[in-house]
N, C-alpha and C. Protein backbone atom coordinates (compact mmCIF):
# COMPACT_ATOMS: atom_id res chain seq x y z
N MET A 1 10.26 122.63 -43.99
CA MET A 1 9.68 121.72 -43.00
C MET A 1 8.17 121.96 -42.90
N ASP A 2 7.37 120.93 -43.14
CA ASP A 2 5.92 121.09 -43.11
C ASP A 2 5.41 121.18 -41.68
N LEU A 3 4.12 121.48 -41.55
CA LEU A 3 3.52 121.69 -40.23
C LEU A 3 3.56 120.43 -39.37
N LEU A 4 3.29 119.28 -39.98
CA LEU A 4 3.28 118.03 -39.22
C LEU A 4 4.66 117.73 -38.66
N THR A 5 5.68 117.93 -39.46
CA THR A 5 7.05 117.69 -39.00
C THR A 5 7.42 118.64 -37.87
N ARG A 6 7.00 119.89 -38.00
CA ARG A 6 7.27 120.86 -36.94
C ARG A 6 6.60 120.47 -35.63
N LEU A 7 5.37 120.01 -35.73
CA LEU A 7 4.66 119.57 -34.53
C LEU A 7 5.37 118.40 -33.86
N LYS A 8 5.85 117.46 -34.67
CA LYS A 8 6.57 116.31 -34.12
C LYS A 8 7.83 116.76 -33.40
N VAL A 9 8.54 117.71 -33.99
CA VAL A 9 9.77 118.21 -33.38
C VAL A 9 9.48 118.92 -32.07
N LEU A 10 8.38 119.70 -32.04
CA LEU A 10 8.02 120.46 -30.84
C LEU A 10 7.50 119.56 -29.72
N LEU A 11 6.71 118.55 -30.09
CA LEU A 11 6.08 117.71 -29.08
C LEU A 11 6.93 116.54 -28.63
N SER A 12 7.92 116.17 -29.42
CA SER A 12 8.75 115.00 -29.11
C SER A 12 9.38 115.07 -27.72
N PRO A 13 9.95 116.22 -27.30
CA PRO A 13 10.55 116.27 -25.96
C PRO A 13 9.53 116.08 -24.84
N LEU A 14 8.26 116.41 -25.11
CA LEU A 14 7.24 116.30 -24.08
C LEU A 14 6.81 114.87 -23.85
N PHE A 15 6.85 114.05 -24.91
CA PHE A 15 6.38 112.67 -24.81
C PHE A 15 7.56 111.72 -24.60
N THR A 16 8.02 111.68 -23.36
CA THR A 16 9.10 110.78 -23.00
C THR A 16 8.54 109.36 -22.90
N PRO A 17 9.39 108.33 -22.94
CA PRO A 17 8.89 106.95 -22.82
C PRO A 17 8.01 106.73 -21.60
N THR A 18 8.40 107.31 -20.46
CA THR A 18 7.61 107.14 -19.25
C THR A 18 6.23 107.77 -19.39
N ARG A 19 6.18 108.97 -19.97
CA ARG A 19 4.90 109.65 -20.15
C ARG A 19 4.01 108.91 -21.13
N ILE A 20 4.60 108.40 -22.20
CA ILE A 20 3.82 107.64 -23.18
C ILE A 20 3.24 106.39 -22.54
N PHE A 21 4.04 105.73 -21.71
CA PHE A 21 3.57 104.52 -21.03
C PHE A 21 2.40 104.84 -20.11
N ILE A 22 2.52 105.93 -19.34
CA ILE A 22 1.45 106.33 -18.43
C ILE A 22 0.19 106.73 -19.20
N LEU A 23 0.37 107.51 -20.27
CA LEU A 23 -0.77 107.94 -21.06
C LEU A 23 -1.48 106.78 -21.74
N SER A 24 -0.71 105.76 -22.15
CA SER A 24 -1.33 104.60 -22.79
C SER A 24 -2.21 103.85 -21.78
N PHE A 25 -1.74 103.73 -20.55
CA PHE A 25 -2.56 103.09 -19.51
C PHE A 25 -3.79 103.93 -19.23
N ALA A 26 -3.62 105.25 -19.14
CA ALA A 26 -4.77 106.12 -18.88
C ALA A 26 -5.79 106.01 -20.00
N GLY A 27 -5.31 105.92 -21.24
CA GLY A 27 -6.21 105.79 -22.38
C GLY A 27 -7.02 104.50 -22.32
N VAL A 28 -6.37 103.39 -21.98
CA VAL A 28 -7.07 102.11 -21.87
C VAL A 28 -8.09 102.16 -20.73
N ILE A 29 -7.72 102.78 -19.62
CA ILE A 29 -8.64 102.89 -18.47
C ILE A 29 -9.89 103.67 -18.87
N ILE A 30 -9.71 104.78 -19.54
CA ILE A 30 -10.86 105.61 -19.94
C ILE A 30 -11.73 104.86 -20.95
N LEU A 31 -11.09 104.22 -21.93
CA LEU A 31 -11.85 103.46 -22.92
C LEU A 31 -12.63 102.33 -22.25
N GLY A 32 -11.96 101.63 -21.33
CA GLY A 32 -12.63 100.55 -20.60
C GLY A 32 -13.80 101.06 -19.78
N ALA A 33 -13.62 102.22 -19.14
CA ALA A 33 -14.70 102.80 -18.34
C ALA A 33 -15.90 103.14 -19.21
N LEU A 34 -15.65 103.72 -20.38
CA LEU A 34 -16.74 104.07 -21.29
C LEU A 34 -17.49 102.82 -21.76
N LEU A 35 -16.76 101.75 -22.06
CA LEU A 35 -17.39 100.51 -22.51
C LEU A 35 -18.21 99.87 -21.39
N LEU A 36 -17.68 99.89 -20.18
CA LEU A 36 -18.41 99.32 -19.05
C LEU A 36 -19.62 100.17 -18.67
N TRP A 37 -19.59 101.44 -19.01
CA TRP A 37 -20.67 102.36 -18.70
C TRP A 37 -21.86 102.19 -19.64
N LEU A 38 -21.61 101.65 -20.82
CA LEU A 38 -22.67 101.47 -21.81
C LEU A 38 -23.68 100.42 -21.34
N PRO A 39 -24.93 100.56 -21.77
CA PRO A 39 -25.99 99.64 -21.31
C PRO A 39 -25.71 98.16 -21.56
N PHE A 40 -25.05 97.83 -22.67
CA PHE A 40 -24.84 96.40 -22.98
C PHE A 40 -23.89 95.72 -21.99
N SER A 41 -23.14 96.51 -21.22
CA SER A 41 -22.21 95.93 -20.24
C SER A 41 -22.86 95.70 -18.88
N ALA A 42 -24.06 96.23 -18.70
CA ALA A 42 -24.71 96.16 -17.39
C ALA A 42 -25.45 94.86 -17.19
N GLY A 43 -25.49 94.41 -15.93
CA GLY A 43 -26.24 93.22 -15.60
C GLY A 43 -27.73 93.51 -15.55
N LYS A 44 -28.17 94.24 -14.53
CA LYS A 44 -29.58 94.61 -14.39
C LYS A 44 -29.78 96.10 -14.64
N ALA A 45 -29.07 96.92 -13.90
CA ALA A 45 -29.14 98.37 -14.08
C ALA A 45 -27.78 98.87 -14.56
N PRO A 46 -27.77 99.89 -15.43
CA PRO A 46 -26.49 100.44 -15.91
C PRO A 46 -25.60 100.90 -14.76
N LEU A 47 -24.32 100.75 -14.92
CA LEU A 47 -23.38 101.21 -13.90
C LEU A 47 -23.33 102.72 -13.90
N THR A 48 -23.08 103.29 -12.74
CA THR A 48 -22.76 104.71 -12.71
C THR A 48 -21.37 104.88 -13.31
N PHE A 49 -21.06 106.07 -13.78
CA PHE A 49 -19.75 106.24 -14.43
C PHE A 49 -18.61 106.05 -13.44
N ILE A 50 -18.81 106.45 -12.18
CA ILE A 50 -17.75 106.30 -11.20
C ILE A 50 -17.46 104.83 -10.94
N ASP A 51 -18.51 103.98 -10.93
CA ASP A 51 -18.29 102.55 -10.75
C ASP A 51 -17.59 101.95 -11.97
N ALA A 52 -17.99 102.40 -13.16
CA ALA A 52 -17.35 101.92 -14.39
C ALA A 52 -15.89 102.33 -14.42
N LEU A 53 -15.60 103.56 -14.02
CA LEU A 53 -14.22 104.05 -14.01
C LEU A 53 -13.40 103.32 -12.97
N PHE A 54 -13.97 103.09 -11.79
CA PHE A 54 -13.26 102.38 -10.73
C PHE A 54 -12.96 100.95 -11.16
N THR A 55 -13.95 100.28 -11.75
CA THR A 55 -13.77 98.89 -12.18
C THR A 55 -12.70 98.79 -13.25
N SER A 56 -12.72 99.72 -14.22
CA SER A 56 -11.72 99.72 -15.28
C SER A 56 -10.33 100.00 -14.73
N THR A 57 -10.23 100.97 -13.84
CA THR A 57 -8.93 101.33 -13.24
C THR A 57 -8.37 100.16 -12.44
N SER A 58 -9.22 99.54 -11.64
CA SER A 58 -8.78 98.42 -10.82
C SER A 58 -8.34 97.24 -11.67
N ALA A 59 -9.05 97.00 -12.78
CA ALA A 59 -8.70 95.89 -13.66
C ALA A 59 -7.37 96.14 -14.35
N VAL A 60 -7.20 97.33 -14.93
CA VAL A 60 -5.96 97.64 -15.65
C VAL A 60 -4.77 97.69 -14.71
N CYS A 61 -4.98 98.17 -13.50
CA CYS A 61 -3.89 98.25 -12.52
C CYS A 61 -3.81 97.00 -11.64
N VAL A 62 -4.62 95.98 -11.98
CA VAL A 62 -4.68 94.69 -11.30
C VAL A 62 -4.58 94.79 -9.78
N THR A 63 -5.49 95.60 -9.21
CA THR A 63 -5.51 95.74 -7.75
C THR A 63 -6.39 94.69 -7.09
N GLY A 64 -7.43 94.21 -7.82
CA GLY A 64 -8.35 93.25 -7.23
C GLY A 64 -9.49 93.89 -6.47
N LEU A 65 -9.48 95.22 -6.35
CA LEU A 65 -10.55 95.92 -5.64
C LEU A 65 -11.75 96.11 -6.56
N ALA A 66 -12.96 95.96 -6.02
CA ALA A 66 -14.17 96.12 -6.83
C ALA A 66 -15.25 96.81 -6.02
N SER A 67 -15.92 97.76 -6.65
CA SER A 67 -17.02 98.47 -6.00
C SER A 67 -18.36 97.90 -6.42
N ILE A 68 -18.34 96.85 -7.25
CA ILE A 68 -19.56 96.20 -7.72
C ILE A 68 -19.38 94.69 -7.62
N ASP A 69 -20.49 93.98 -7.74
CA ASP A 69 -20.46 92.53 -7.82
C ASP A 69 -20.36 92.18 -9.30
N LEU A 70 -19.19 91.74 -9.72
CA LEU A 70 -18.96 91.48 -11.15
C LEU A 70 -19.91 90.44 -11.72
N SER A 71 -20.32 89.49 -10.89
CA SER A 71 -21.18 88.42 -11.36
C SER A 71 -22.61 88.89 -11.59
N LYS A 72 -23.03 89.93 -10.87
CA LYS A 72 -24.41 90.40 -10.97
C LYS A 72 -24.54 91.73 -11.71
N ASN A 73 -23.57 92.62 -11.51
CA ASN A 73 -23.69 93.96 -12.07
C ASN A 73 -23.13 94.10 -13.48
N LEU A 74 -22.46 93.06 -13.97
CA LEU A 74 -21.94 93.07 -15.34
C LEU A 74 -22.61 91.97 -16.15
N SER A 75 -22.96 92.30 -17.38
CA SER A 75 -23.48 91.30 -18.30
C SER A 75 -22.31 90.46 -18.83
N PHE A 76 -22.62 89.47 -19.65
CA PHE A 76 -21.54 88.66 -20.22
C PHE A 76 -20.56 89.51 -21.03
N PRO A 77 -21.03 90.43 -21.92
CA PRO A 77 -20.07 91.31 -22.61
C PRO A 77 -19.26 92.16 -21.64
N GLY A 78 -19.91 92.64 -20.57
CA GLY A 78 -19.19 93.45 -19.59
C GLY A 78 -18.10 92.65 -18.88
N GLN A 79 -18.39 91.39 -18.60
CA GLN A 79 -17.39 90.53 -17.96
C GLN A 79 -16.22 90.27 -18.90
N ILE A 80 -16.51 90.11 -20.19
CA ILE A 80 -15.44 89.92 -21.16
C ILE A 80 -14.56 91.16 -21.23
N ILE A 81 -15.19 92.33 -21.21
CA ILE A 81 -14.43 93.59 -21.23
C ILE A 81 -13.51 93.67 -20.02
N SER A 82 -14.04 93.33 -18.84
CA SER A 82 -13.20 93.37 -17.64
C SER A 82 -12.06 92.36 -17.73
N LEU A 83 -12.31 91.21 -18.35
CA LEU A 83 -11.27 90.20 -18.53
C LEU A 83 -10.15 90.72 -19.43
N ILE A 84 -10.53 91.38 -20.53
CA ILE A 84 -9.54 91.95 -21.44
C ILE A 84 -8.73 93.03 -20.75
N LEU A 85 -9.39 93.86 -19.96
CA LEU A 85 -8.71 94.95 -19.26
C LEU A 85 -7.67 94.42 -18.27
N LEU A 86 -8.03 93.40 -17.52
CA LEU A 86 -7.07 92.89 -16.53
C LEU A 86 -5.93 92.13 -17.21
N GLN A 87 -6.20 91.52 -18.36
CA GLN A 87 -5.12 90.86 -19.10
C GLN A 87 -4.15 91.88 -19.66
N ILE A 88 -4.68 92.96 -20.22
CA ILE A 88 -3.84 94.04 -20.74
C ILE A 88 -3.05 94.67 -19.60
N GLY A 89 -3.71 94.91 -18.48
CA GLY A 89 -3.03 95.53 -17.35
C GLY A 89 -1.94 94.65 -16.79
N GLY A 90 -2.21 93.34 -16.73
CA GLY A 90 -1.22 92.43 -16.17
C GLY A 90 0.03 92.30 -17.01
N LEU A 91 -0.15 92.23 -18.32
CA LEU A 91 0.99 92.02 -19.22
C LEU A 91 1.58 93.33 -19.73
N GLY A 92 0.77 94.35 -19.78
CA GLY A 92 1.27 95.64 -20.26
C GLY A 92 0.89 95.89 -21.70
N ILE A 93 0.46 97.11 -21.97
CA ILE A 93 0.04 97.51 -23.31
C ILE A 93 1.21 97.43 -24.29
N ILE A 94 2.37 97.84 -23.82
CA ILE A 94 3.53 97.87 -24.72
C ILE A 94 3.92 96.47 -25.15
N THR A 95 3.77 95.49 -24.24
CA THR A 95 4.08 94.10 -24.59
C THR A 95 3.25 93.65 -25.78
N PHE A 96 1.95 93.89 -25.71
CA PHE A 96 1.05 93.49 -26.79
C PHE A 96 1.40 94.21 -28.09
N SER A 97 1.60 95.52 -28.01
CA SER A 97 1.81 96.29 -29.23
C SER A 97 3.13 95.93 -29.90
N VAL A 98 4.19 95.76 -29.11
CA VAL A 98 5.50 95.43 -29.69
C VAL A 98 5.48 94.06 -30.36
N VAL A 99 4.92 93.07 -29.66
CA VAL A 99 4.86 91.73 -30.23
C VAL A 99 3.96 91.70 -31.45
N PHE A 100 2.85 92.41 -31.41
CA PHE A 100 1.93 92.44 -32.55
C PHE A 100 2.62 93.03 -33.77
N PHE A 101 3.29 94.17 -33.58
CA PHE A 101 3.98 94.79 -34.70
C PHE A 101 5.11 93.91 -35.22
N GLY A 102 5.77 93.20 -34.29
CA GLY A 102 6.84 92.31 -34.71
C GLY A 102 6.32 91.16 -35.55
N ILE A 103 5.19 90.58 -35.12
CA ILE A 103 4.59 89.47 -35.86
C ILE A 103 4.11 89.92 -37.23
N MET A 104 3.57 91.14 -37.30
CA MET A 104 3.05 91.67 -38.56
C MET A 104 4.16 92.13 -39.49
N GLY A 105 5.40 92.08 -39.01
CA GLY A 105 6.52 92.46 -39.86
C GLY A 105 6.80 93.95 -39.88
N ARG A 106 6.12 94.71 -39.03
CA ARG A 106 6.36 96.15 -38.97
C ARG A 106 7.60 96.42 -38.15
N GLY A 107 8.45 97.30 -38.61
CA GLY A 107 9.66 97.63 -37.89
C GLY A 107 9.36 98.35 -36.58
N ILE A 108 10.19 98.13 -35.58
CA ILE A 108 10.03 98.80 -34.30
C ILE A 108 10.88 100.06 -34.31
N SER A 109 10.25 101.20 -34.07
CA SER A 109 10.96 102.46 -34.12
C SER A 109 11.88 102.62 -32.92
N PHE A 110 12.77 103.59 -33.02
CA PHE A 110 13.68 103.85 -31.91
C PHE A 110 12.92 104.26 -30.67
N LYS A 111 11.86 105.06 -30.83
CA LYS A 111 11.06 105.49 -29.69
C LYS A 111 10.39 104.30 -29.02
N GLU A 112 9.87 103.36 -29.80
CA GLU A 112 9.23 102.18 -29.23
C GLU A 112 10.23 101.32 -28.49
N ARG A 113 11.44 101.19 -29.04
CA ARG A 113 12.50 100.45 -28.35
C ARG A 113 12.82 101.10 -27.00
N GLU A 114 12.89 102.41 -27.02
CA GLU A 114 13.23 103.15 -25.81
C GLU A 114 12.15 102.96 -24.74
N ILE A 115 10.87 102.96 -25.17
CA ILE A 115 9.77 102.78 -24.23
C ILE A 115 9.84 101.41 -23.59
N VAL A 116 10.04 100.38 -24.42
CA VAL A 116 10.09 99.01 -23.91
C VAL A 116 11.26 98.83 -22.96
N GLN A 117 12.43 99.31 -23.36
CA GLN A 117 13.62 99.11 -22.53
C GLN A 117 13.53 99.86 -21.22
N SER A 118 12.99 101.08 -21.26
CA SER A 118 12.90 101.86 -20.02
C SER A 118 11.80 101.35 -19.11
N THR A 119 10.80 100.69 -19.68
CA THR A 119 9.66 100.22 -18.89
C THR A 119 9.89 98.82 -18.33
N PHE A 120 10.42 97.91 -19.16
CA PHE A 120 10.48 96.50 -18.78
C PHE A 120 11.88 96.00 -18.47
N LEU A 121 12.91 96.59 -19.05
CA LEU A 121 14.24 96.03 -18.92
C LEU A 121 15.12 96.94 -18.08
N HIS A 122 15.80 96.38 -17.08
CA HIS A 122 16.66 97.16 -16.21
C HIS A 122 17.96 97.59 -16.93
N SER A 123 18.41 96.78 -17.85
CA SER A 123 19.62 97.10 -18.60
C SER A 123 19.31 97.08 -20.09
N PRO A 124 19.93 97.98 -20.88
CA PRO A 124 19.63 98.04 -22.30
C PRO A 124 19.93 96.72 -23.00
N ARG A 125 19.00 96.28 -23.83
CA ARG A 125 19.17 95.06 -24.60
C ARG A 125 18.69 95.29 -26.01
N ARG A 126 19.16 94.46 -26.91
CA ARG A 126 18.70 94.55 -28.28
C ARG A 126 17.78 93.39 -28.62
N ASP A 127 17.66 92.44 -27.70
CA ASP A 127 16.87 91.25 -27.97
C ASP A 127 15.55 91.25 -27.21
N PHE A 128 14.95 92.47 -27.03
CA PHE A 128 13.74 92.54 -26.23
C PHE A 128 12.54 91.90 -26.92
N LEU A 129 12.52 91.88 -28.26
CA LEU A 129 11.37 91.28 -28.95
C LEU A 129 11.21 89.79 -28.64
N PRO A 130 12.29 88.99 -28.68
CA PRO A 130 12.15 87.59 -28.25
C PRO A 130 11.69 87.46 -26.81
N ILE A 131 12.13 88.39 -25.95
CA ILE A 131 11.71 88.35 -24.55
C ILE A 131 10.21 88.58 -24.44
N MET A 132 9.72 89.58 -25.17
CA MET A 132 8.28 89.88 -25.14
C MET A 132 7.47 88.72 -25.72
N LYS A 133 7.97 88.11 -26.78
CA LYS A 133 7.29 86.95 -27.36
C LYS A 133 7.25 85.80 -26.37
N TRP A 134 8.36 85.60 -25.67
CA TRP A 134 8.42 84.53 -24.67
C TRP A 134 7.41 84.79 -23.56
N VAL A 135 7.28 86.04 -23.13
CA VAL A 135 6.33 86.39 -22.08
C VAL A 135 4.91 86.04 -22.52
N LEU A 136 4.53 86.42 -23.74
CA LEU A 136 3.19 86.13 -24.22
C LEU A 136 2.96 84.63 -24.37
N LEU A 137 3.94 83.94 -24.93
CA LEU A 137 3.80 82.49 -25.11
C LEU A 137 3.65 81.78 -23.78
N ALA A 138 4.52 82.12 -22.83
CA ALA A 138 4.45 81.50 -21.50
C ALA A 138 3.13 81.82 -20.83
N THR A 139 2.67 83.05 -21.01
CA THR A 139 1.41 83.47 -20.40
C THR A 139 0.24 82.63 -20.91
N PHE A 140 0.13 82.51 -22.22
CA PHE A 140 -1.02 81.80 -22.79
C PHE A 140 -0.97 80.29 -22.52
N ILE A 141 0.24 79.74 -22.46
CA ILE A 141 0.37 78.31 -22.14
C ILE A 141 -0.04 78.05 -20.69
N ILE A 142 0.48 78.87 -19.78
CA ILE A 142 0.17 78.67 -18.36
C ILE A 142 -1.30 78.95 -18.08
N GLU A 143 -1.82 80.02 -18.66
CA GLU A 143 -3.24 80.33 -18.46
C GLU A 143 -4.11 79.22 -19.06
N GLY A 144 -3.67 78.65 -20.18
CA GLY A 144 -4.42 77.56 -20.80
C GLY A 144 -4.47 76.33 -19.91
N LEU A 145 -3.33 75.99 -19.32
CA LEU A 145 -3.30 74.84 -18.40
C LEU A 145 -4.14 75.10 -17.16
N GLY A 146 -4.06 76.33 -16.65
CA GLY A 146 -4.88 76.69 -15.50
C GLY A 146 -6.36 76.63 -15.81
N THR A 147 -6.72 77.08 -17.00
CA THR A 147 -8.12 77.02 -17.44
C THR A 147 -8.60 75.58 -17.50
N LEU A 148 -7.77 74.70 -18.03
CA LEU A 148 -8.15 73.29 -18.15
C LEU A 148 -8.40 72.67 -16.77
N LEU A 149 -7.50 72.91 -15.83
CA LEU A 149 -7.64 72.34 -14.48
C LEU A 149 -8.88 72.88 -13.78
N LEU A 150 -9.10 74.19 -13.89
CA LEU A 150 -10.27 74.78 -13.25
C LEU A 150 -11.56 74.34 -13.91
N PHE A 151 -11.53 74.18 -15.23
CA PHE A 151 -12.72 73.72 -15.95
C PHE A 151 -13.11 72.31 -15.50
N LEU A 152 -12.13 71.45 -15.35
CA LEU A 152 -12.42 70.08 -14.91
C LEU A 152 -13.10 70.07 -13.55
N ARG A 153 -12.73 71.02 -12.70
CA ARG A 153 -13.36 71.08 -11.37
C ARG A 153 -14.71 71.79 -11.43
N PHE A 154 -14.78 72.94 -12.09
CA PHE A 154 -16.02 73.71 -12.14
C PHE A 154 -17.13 72.97 -12.88
N SER A 155 -16.75 72.09 -13.82
CA SER A 155 -17.75 71.38 -14.61
C SER A 155 -18.61 70.45 -13.77
N PHE A 156 -18.15 70.12 -12.55
CA PHE A 156 -18.96 69.30 -11.65
C PHE A 156 -20.10 70.11 -11.03
N ASP A 157 -19.91 71.44 -10.99
CA ASP A 157 -20.89 72.30 -10.32
C ASP A 157 -21.71 73.16 -11.28
N LEU A 158 -21.20 73.36 -12.50
CA LEU A 158 -21.82 74.31 -13.41
C LEU A 158 -22.00 73.68 -14.80
N PRO A 159 -22.91 74.22 -15.61
CA PRO A 159 -23.02 73.78 -17.01
C PRO A 159 -21.69 74.01 -17.73
N ALA A 160 -21.42 73.21 -18.73
CA ALA A 160 -20.11 73.21 -19.39
C ALA A 160 -19.68 74.61 -19.87
N LYS A 161 -20.58 75.33 -20.56
CA LYS A 161 -20.21 76.65 -21.09
C LYS A 161 -19.90 77.63 -19.96
N HIS A 162 -20.74 77.60 -18.94
CA HIS A 162 -20.52 78.48 -17.79
C HIS A 162 -19.23 78.12 -17.06
N ALA A 163 -19.00 76.83 -16.90
CA ALA A 163 -17.79 76.38 -16.22
C ALA A 163 -16.53 76.78 -16.99
N PHE A 164 -16.62 76.70 -18.32
CA PHE A 164 -15.45 77.05 -19.15
C PHE A 164 -15.12 78.53 -19.03
N PHE A 165 -16.14 79.38 -19.09
CA PHE A 165 -15.88 80.82 -18.97
C PHE A 165 -15.37 81.17 -17.58
N GLN A 166 -15.95 80.56 -16.55
CA GLN A 166 -15.47 80.79 -15.20
C GLN A 166 -14.00 80.37 -15.07
N ALA A 167 -13.66 79.26 -15.70
CA ALA A 167 -12.28 78.76 -15.63
C ALA A 167 -11.31 79.73 -16.31
N ILE A 168 -11.69 80.21 -17.49
CA ILE A 168 -10.84 81.17 -18.20
C ILE A 168 -10.65 82.43 -17.36
N TYR A 169 -11.77 82.96 -16.87
CA TYR A 169 -11.73 84.23 -16.12
C TYR A 169 -10.84 84.11 -14.88
N HIS A 170 -11.02 83.06 -14.12
CA HIS A 170 -10.25 82.92 -12.88
C HIS A 170 -8.79 82.57 -13.14
N ALA A 171 -8.52 81.85 -14.23
CA ALA A 171 -7.13 81.55 -14.58
C ALA A 171 -6.39 82.82 -14.97
N VAL A 172 -7.01 83.65 -15.80
CA VAL A 172 -6.38 84.91 -16.22
C VAL A 172 -6.24 85.86 -15.04
N SER A 173 -7.28 85.94 -14.22
CA SER A 173 -7.25 86.82 -13.05
C SER A 173 -6.14 86.40 -12.08
N ALA A 174 -6.00 85.10 -11.84
CA ALA A 174 -4.97 84.63 -10.92
C ALA A 174 -3.57 84.83 -11.49
N PHE A 175 -3.38 84.50 -12.77
CA PHE A 175 -2.05 84.63 -13.36
C PHE A 175 -1.57 86.08 -13.34
N ASN A 176 -2.51 87.01 -13.57
CA ASN A 176 -2.15 88.43 -13.58
C ASN A 176 -2.24 89.07 -12.20
N ASN A 177 -2.44 88.22 -11.18
CA ASN A 177 -2.47 88.71 -9.79
C ASN A 177 -3.52 89.80 -9.60
N CYS A 178 -4.66 89.65 -10.25
CA CYS A 178 -5.70 90.67 -10.18
C CYS A 178 -6.65 90.43 -9.00
N GLY A 179 -7.15 89.22 -8.87
CA GLY A 179 -8.06 88.93 -7.76
C GLY A 179 -9.52 89.08 -8.09
N TYR A 180 -9.85 89.49 -9.32
CA TYR A 180 -11.25 89.57 -9.71
C TYR A 180 -11.86 88.17 -9.79
N SER A 181 -13.13 88.07 -9.41
CA SER A 181 -13.82 86.79 -9.46
C SER A 181 -15.25 87.01 -9.92
N LEU A 182 -15.81 86.02 -10.61
CA LEU A 182 -17.20 86.09 -11.06
C LEU A 182 -18.13 85.37 -10.11
N PHE A 183 -17.60 84.89 -9.00
CA PHE A 183 -18.44 84.33 -7.95
C PHE A 183 -18.73 85.44 -6.94
N THR A 184 -19.98 85.52 -6.50
CA THR A 184 -20.37 86.58 -5.57
C THR A 184 -19.50 86.60 -4.32
N ASN A 185 -19.16 85.44 -3.80
CA ASN A 185 -18.32 85.36 -2.60
C ASN A 185 -16.89 84.96 -2.94
N ASN A 186 -16.46 85.33 -4.15
CA ASN A 186 -15.12 85.02 -4.61
C ASN A 186 -14.92 83.50 -4.60
N LEU A 187 -13.87 82.99 -3.99
CA LEU A 187 -13.61 81.54 -4.00
C LEU A 187 -13.87 80.89 -2.65
N VAL A 188 -14.73 81.52 -1.85
CA VAL A 188 -15.01 81.00 -0.51
C VAL A 188 -15.58 79.59 -0.58
N ASN A 189 -16.43 79.33 -1.56
CA ASN A 189 -17.03 78.00 -1.67
C ASN A 189 -16.01 76.90 -2.00
N TYR A 190 -14.81 77.32 -2.44
CA TYR A 190 -13.77 76.35 -2.82
C TYR A 190 -12.56 76.44 -1.89
N ARG A 191 -12.77 76.98 -0.69
CA ARG A 191 -11.63 77.19 0.21
C ARG A 191 -10.99 75.88 0.66
N ASP A 192 -11.77 74.78 0.66
CA ASP A 192 -11.22 73.48 1.07
C ASP A 192 -10.99 72.56 -0.13
N ASP A 193 -11.09 73.13 -1.33
CA ASP A 193 -10.93 72.33 -2.54
C ASP A 193 -9.47 72.42 -3.02
N TRP A 194 -8.79 71.31 -2.95
CA TRP A 194 -7.36 71.30 -3.29
C TRP A 194 -7.12 71.63 -4.76
N THR A 195 -7.96 71.16 -5.64
CA THR A 195 -7.76 71.41 -7.08
C THR A 195 -7.81 72.89 -7.39
N VAL A 196 -8.83 73.58 -6.88
CA VAL A 196 -9.00 75.01 -7.16
C VAL A 196 -7.93 75.83 -6.45
N THR A 197 -7.73 75.58 -5.17
CA THR A 197 -6.79 76.41 -4.41
C THR A 197 -5.35 76.24 -4.90
N LEU A 198 -4.93 75.00 -5.16
CA LEU A 198 -3.56 74.78 -5.64
C LEU A 198 -3.37 75.35 -7.05
N THR A 199 -4.38 75.21 -7.89
CA THR A 199 -4.27 75.76 -9.25
C THR A 199 -4.16 77.27 -9.21
N VAL A 200 -5.00 77.91 -8.42
CA VAL A 200 -4.97 79.37 -8.32
C VAL A 200 -3.65 79.84 -7.70
N MET A 201 -3.18 79.16 -6.66
CA MET A 201 -1.90 79.53 -6.06
C MET A 201 -0.76 79.38 -7.06
N GLY A 202 -0.79 78.28 -7.82
CA GLY A 202 0.24 78.06 -8.82
C GLY A 202 0.24 79.15 -9.89
N LEU A 203 -0.95 79.55 -10.32
CA LEU A 203 -1.05 80.61 -11.33
C LEU A 203 -0.52 81.93 -10.80
N ILE A 204 -0.82 82.23 -9.55
CA ILE A 204 -0.33 83.48 -8.96
C ILE A 204 1.19 83.50 -8.91
N ILE A 205 1.78 82.40 -8.46
CA ILE A 205 3.24 82.31 -8.36
C ILE A 205 3.89 82.35 -9.74
N LEU A 206 3.36 81.59 -10.69
CA LEU A 206 3.94 81.55 -12.04
C LEU A 206 3.78 82.90 -12.74
N GLY A 207 2.65 83.58 -12.50
CA GLY A 207 2.46 84.90 -13.09
C GLY A 207 3.49 85.89 -12.61
N ALA A 208 3.76 85.88 -11.31
CA ALA A 208 4.79 86.76 -10.76
C ALA A 208 6.17 86.39 -11.27
N SER A 209 6.43 85.08 -11.43
CA SER A 209 7.74 84.62 -11.90
C SER A 209 7.99 85.04 -13.34
N VAL A 210 6.98 84.92 -14.20
CA VAL A 210 7.13 85.33 -15.60
C VAL A 210 7.37 86.82 -15.69
N SER A 211 6.64 87.58 -14.87
CA SER A 211 6.81 89.02 -14.87
C SER A 211 8.21 89.44 -14.45
N LEU A 212 8.74 88.79 -13.40
CA LEU A 212 10.08 89.12 -12.92
C LEU A 212 11.15 88.71 -13.91
N SER A 213 10.98 87.52 -14.52
CA SER A 213 12.00 87.03 -15.44
C SER A 213 12.11 87.89 -16.68
N SER A 214 11.03 88.55 -17.06
CA SER A 214 11.05 89.39 -18.27
C SER A 214 11.81 90.67 -18.08
N THR A 215 12.10 91.06 -16.82
CA THR A 215 12.80 92.31 -16.56
C THR A 215 14.27 92.12 -16.29
N ARG A 216 14.73 90.88 -16.31
CA ARG A 216 16.15 90.61 -16.00
C ARG A 216 17.01 90.68 -17.25
């Protein structure tokens, strides 16, 4: 037995599905914090590391809490990074990795099956890959429709490119129940706007419904 095999045998009991799931989230949070901490992610002045770490943690854990003004303190690349983090946090790292490997034709190992089943499914199933694919497909379709509706409304107030990015960001944030916004006062300016409020409410409800249906 070579050294690598011995290490796998020794470490395997330590890395249970639950621990791997937690460590994967921690890894994404730290990576996100480092990216947000870099100068290219800053709006005017670079973020302190604690603000970058808090923003990354809040995005991945979709809490909606923010210690900075995302519209002012993050540059366009920084806003994209925060968008990716909240999308990953909302859907789950394992969802993306399992579906990606499935699409690429890579076999899913027993350990990966165990992680997915223990994390997302209440009862053991063998058909979890179609479920994960359905979750991603439903997510992108619903977020796409939400983006279209919000873009049609935001385009009256903002230049087309800006309106489109705002629409994508708020659609993804709402669907994943994150609450992040690129408007300084969140959606206060649209509190009486039926198009924006109904679209955002619909995305929040549908996001929760897709999440619940994937665990049944």
